[in-house]
């Protein structure tokens, strides 16, 4: 379980925000793998190190 990104000890992982804004009592924040190059995201923290966020849809 994590609270902030710094709680994730491995490079390439981040602690995502609760998409339900606290409405789902079963939601647990856990470290997840950052997205690879070309995948859509909402912020740079969701992307792998040395990558920038792609705010457009990912290509097939």
N, C-alpha and C. Protein backbone atom coordinates (compact mmCIF):
# COMPACT_ATOMS: atom_id res chain seq x y z
N UNK A 1 0.85 -1.19 0.00
CA UNK A 1 0.00 0.00 0.00
C UNK A 1 0.88 1.24 0.00
N UNK A 2 0.37 2.32 -0.58
CA UNK A 2 1.14 3.56 -0.63
C UNK A 2 0.22 4.75 -0.37
N UNK A 3 0.86 5.87 -0.04
CA UNK A 3 0.13 7.12 0.17
C UNK A 3 0.58 8.16 -0.85
N UNK A 4 1.90 8.20 -1.09
CA UNK A 4 2.48 9.14 -2.06
C UNK A 4 3.44 8.37 -2.97
N UNK A 5 3.87 9.01 -4.06
CA UNK A 5 4.78 8.37 -5.01
C UNK A 5 6.07 7.90 -4.35
N UNK A 6 6.56 8.63 -3.38
CA UNK A 6 7.82 8.28 -2.71
C UNK A 6 7.71 6.99 -1.90
N UNK A 7 6.50 6.52 -1.65
CA UNK A 7 6.31 5.25 -0.94
C UNK A 7 6.64 4.05 -1.83
N UNK A 8 6.76 4.26 -3.13
CA UNK A 8 7.06 3.18 -4.07
C UNK A 8 8.58 3.09 -4.20
N UNK A 9 9.18 2.01 -3.67
CA UNK A 9 10.64 1.92 -3.60
C UNK A 9 11.34 1.63 -4.92
N UNK A 10 10.63 1.21 -5.94
CA UNK A 10 11.27 0.82 -7.19
C UNK A 10 11.11 1.89 -8.26
N UNK A 11 12.13 2.06 -9.08
CA UNK A 11 12.08 2.99 -10.20
C UNK A 11 11.06 2.48 -11.21
N UNK A 12 10.26 3.39 -11.75
CA UNK A 12 9.27 2.99 -12.75
C UNK A 12 7.90 2.69 -12.17
N UNK A 13 7.68 3.04 -10.89
CA UNK A 13 6.38 2.83 -10.25
C UNK A 13 5.93 4.13 -9.60
N UNK A 14 4.61 4.30 -9.49
CA UNK A 14 4.05 5.48 -8.82
C UNK A 14 2.80 5.08 -8.06
N UNK A 15 2.32 5.97 -7.20
CA UNK A 15 1.14 5.72 -6.37
C UNK A 15 -0.03 6.53 -6.96
N UNK A 16 -0.96 5.87 -7.68
CA UNK A 16 -2.04 6.59 -8.35
C UNK A 16 -3.06 7.18 -7.38
N UNK A 17 -3.72 8.24 -7.84
CA UNK A 17 -4.79 8.85 -7.05
C UNK A 17 -6.03 7.97 -7.09
N UNK A 18 -6.87 8.11 -6.09
CA UNK A 18 -8.12 7.35 -6.02
C UNK A 18 -9.10 7.91 -7.06
N UNK A 19 -9.45 7.13 -8.10
CA UNK A 19 -10.36 7.63 -9.13
C UNK A 19 -11.79 7.82 -8.64
N UNK A 20 -12.13 7.25 -7.48
CA UNK A 20 -13.49 7.38 -6.96
C UNK A 20 -13.61 8.53 -5.96
N UNK A 21 -12.50 9.22 -5.69
CA UNK A 21 -12.49 10.32 -4.71
C UNK A 21 -13.03 9.89 -3.35
N UNK A 22 -12.68 8.67 -2.95
CA UNK A 22 -13.07 8.18 -1.63
C UNK A 22 -14.43 7.53 -1.55
N UNK A 23 -15.16 7.45 -2.66
CA UNK A 23 -16.50 6.87 -2.65
C UNK A 23 -16.50 5.35 -2.58
N UNK A 24 -15.45 4.71 -3.08
CA UNK A 24 -15.35 3.24 -3.07
C UNK A 24 -14.55 2.80 -1.84
N UNK A 25 -15.20 2.19 -0.85
CA UNK A 25 -14.49 1.80 0.38
C UNK A 25 -13.48 0.68 0.14
N UNK A 26 -13.53 0.01 -1.00
CA UNK A 26 -12.62 -1.09 -1.28
C UNK A 26 -11.38 -0.66 -2.07
N UNK A 27 -11.33 0.60 -2.52
CA UNK A 27 -10.17 1.09 -3.27
C UNK A 27 -8.96 1.16 -2.35
N UNK A 28 -7.85 0.60 -2.79
CA UNK A 28 -6.59 0.65 -2.05
C UNK A 28 -5.52 1.20 -2.96
N UNK A 29 -4.75 2.17 -2.45
CA UNK A 29 -3.67 2.74 -3.23
C UNK A 29 -2.47 1.81 -3.15
N UNK A 30 -2.06 1.29 -4.29
CA UNK A 30 -0.88 0.43 -4.37
C UNK A 30 0.01 0.95 -5.50
N UNK A 31 1.30 0.68 -5.39
CA UNK A 31 2.25 1.10 -6.42
C UNK A 31 1.95 0.37 -7.72
N UNK A 32 1.88 1.12 -8.81
CA UNK A 32 1.64 0.52 -10.13
C UNK A 32 2.76 0.94 -11.08
N UNK A 33 2.96 0.15 -12.10
CA UNK A 33 4.00 0.40 -13.08
C UNK A 33 3.67 1.65 -13.90
N UNK A 34 4.68 2.46 -14.16
CA UNK A 34 4.48 3.63 -14.99
C UNK A 34 4.27 3.21 -16.44
N UNK A 35 3.58 4.04 -17.20
CA UNK A 35 3.24 3.71 -18.58
C UNK A 35 4.46 3.88 -19.49
N UNK A 36 4.47 3.10 -20.56
CA UNK A 36 5.60 3.15 -21.49
C UNK A 36 5.38 4.23 -22.54
N UNK A 37 6.37 4.43 -23.37
CA UNK A 37 6.34 5.46 -24.39
C UNK A 37 5.16 5.27 -25.34
N UNK A 38 4.41 6.35 -25.59
CA UNK A 38 3.29 6.31 -26.51
C UNK A 38 1.93 6.08 -25.87
N UNK A 39 1.89 5.65 -24.61
CA UNK A 39 0.62 5.43 -23.94
C UNK A 39 0.08 6.76 -23.40
N UNK A 40 -1.24 6.92 -23.40
CA UNK A 40 -1.87 8.14 -22.90
C UNK A 40 -1.81 8.17 -21.37
N UNK A 41 -1.66 9.37 -20.83
CA UNK A 41 -1.61 9.52 -19.37
C UNK A 41 -2.13 10.91 -19.01
N UNK A 42 -2.27 11.15 -17.72
CA UNK A 42 -2.77 12.44 -17.25
C UNK A 42 -1.68 13.33 -16.68
N UNK A 43 -0.52 12.77 -16.37
CA UNK A 43 0.57 13.56 -15.82
C UNK A 43 1.90 12.85 -15.99
N UNK A 44 3.00 13.61 -15.95
CA UNK A 44 4.32 13.04 -16.16
C UNK A 44 4.67 11.95 -15.16
N UNK A 45 4.13 12.00 -13.96
CA UNK A 45 4.45 10.99 -12.95
C UNK A 45 3.96 9.60 -13.35
N UNK A 46 3.00 9.54 -14.27
CA UNK A 46 2.48 8.25 -14.74
C UNK A 46 3.37 7.63 -15.81
N UNK A 47 4.36 8.40 -16.31
CA UNK A 47 5.23 7.92 -17.39
C UNK A 47 6.57 7.45 -16.84
N UNK A 48 7.21 6.56 -17.58
CA UNK A 48 8.51 6.04 -17.19
C UNK A 48 9.52 7.17 -17.09
N UNK A 49 10.60 6.95 -16.31
CA UNK A 49 11.64 7.99 -16.18
C UNK A 49 12.14 8.46 -17.55
N UNK A 50 12.45 9.73 -17.65
CA UNK A 50 12.95 10.37 -18.87
C UNK A 50 11.91 10.43 -19.98
N UNK A 51 10.64 10.23 -19.68
CA UNK A 51 9.56 10.36 -20.67
C UNK A 51 8.62 11.47 -20.23
N UNK A 52 7.92 12.04 -21.17
CA UNK A 52 6.92 13.06 -20.87
C UNK A 52 5.54 12.49 -21.14
N UNK A 53 4.55 13.09 -20.52
CA UNK A 53 3.18 12.62 -20.65
C UNK A 53 2.63 12.86 -22.05
N UNK A 54 1.96 11.84 -22.58
CA UNK A 54 1.27 11.93 -23.86
C UNK A 54 -0.21 12.09 -23.54
N UNK A 55 -0.74 13.29 -23.72
CA UNK A 55 -2.13 13.55 -23.34
C UNK A 55 -3.12 13.17 -24.45
N UNK A 56 -2.62 12.64 -25.55
CA UNK A 56 -3.48 12.19 -26.64
C UNK A 56 -3.72 10.69 -26.52
N UNK A 57 -4.68 10.19 -27.28
CA UNK A 57 -4.96 8.76 -27.26
C UNK A 57 -3.76 7.98 -27.78
N UNK A 58 -3.55 6.80 -27.22
CA UNK A 58 -2.44 5.98 -27.70
C UNK A 58 -2.76 5.40 -29.07
N UNK A 59 -1.73 5.25 -29.88
CA UNK A 59 -1.94 4.71 -31.22
C UNK A 59 -1.97 3.19 -31.19
N UNK A 60 -2.71 2.56 -32.10
CA UNK A 60 -2.84 1.09 -32.08
C UNK A 60 -1.56 0.37 -32.47
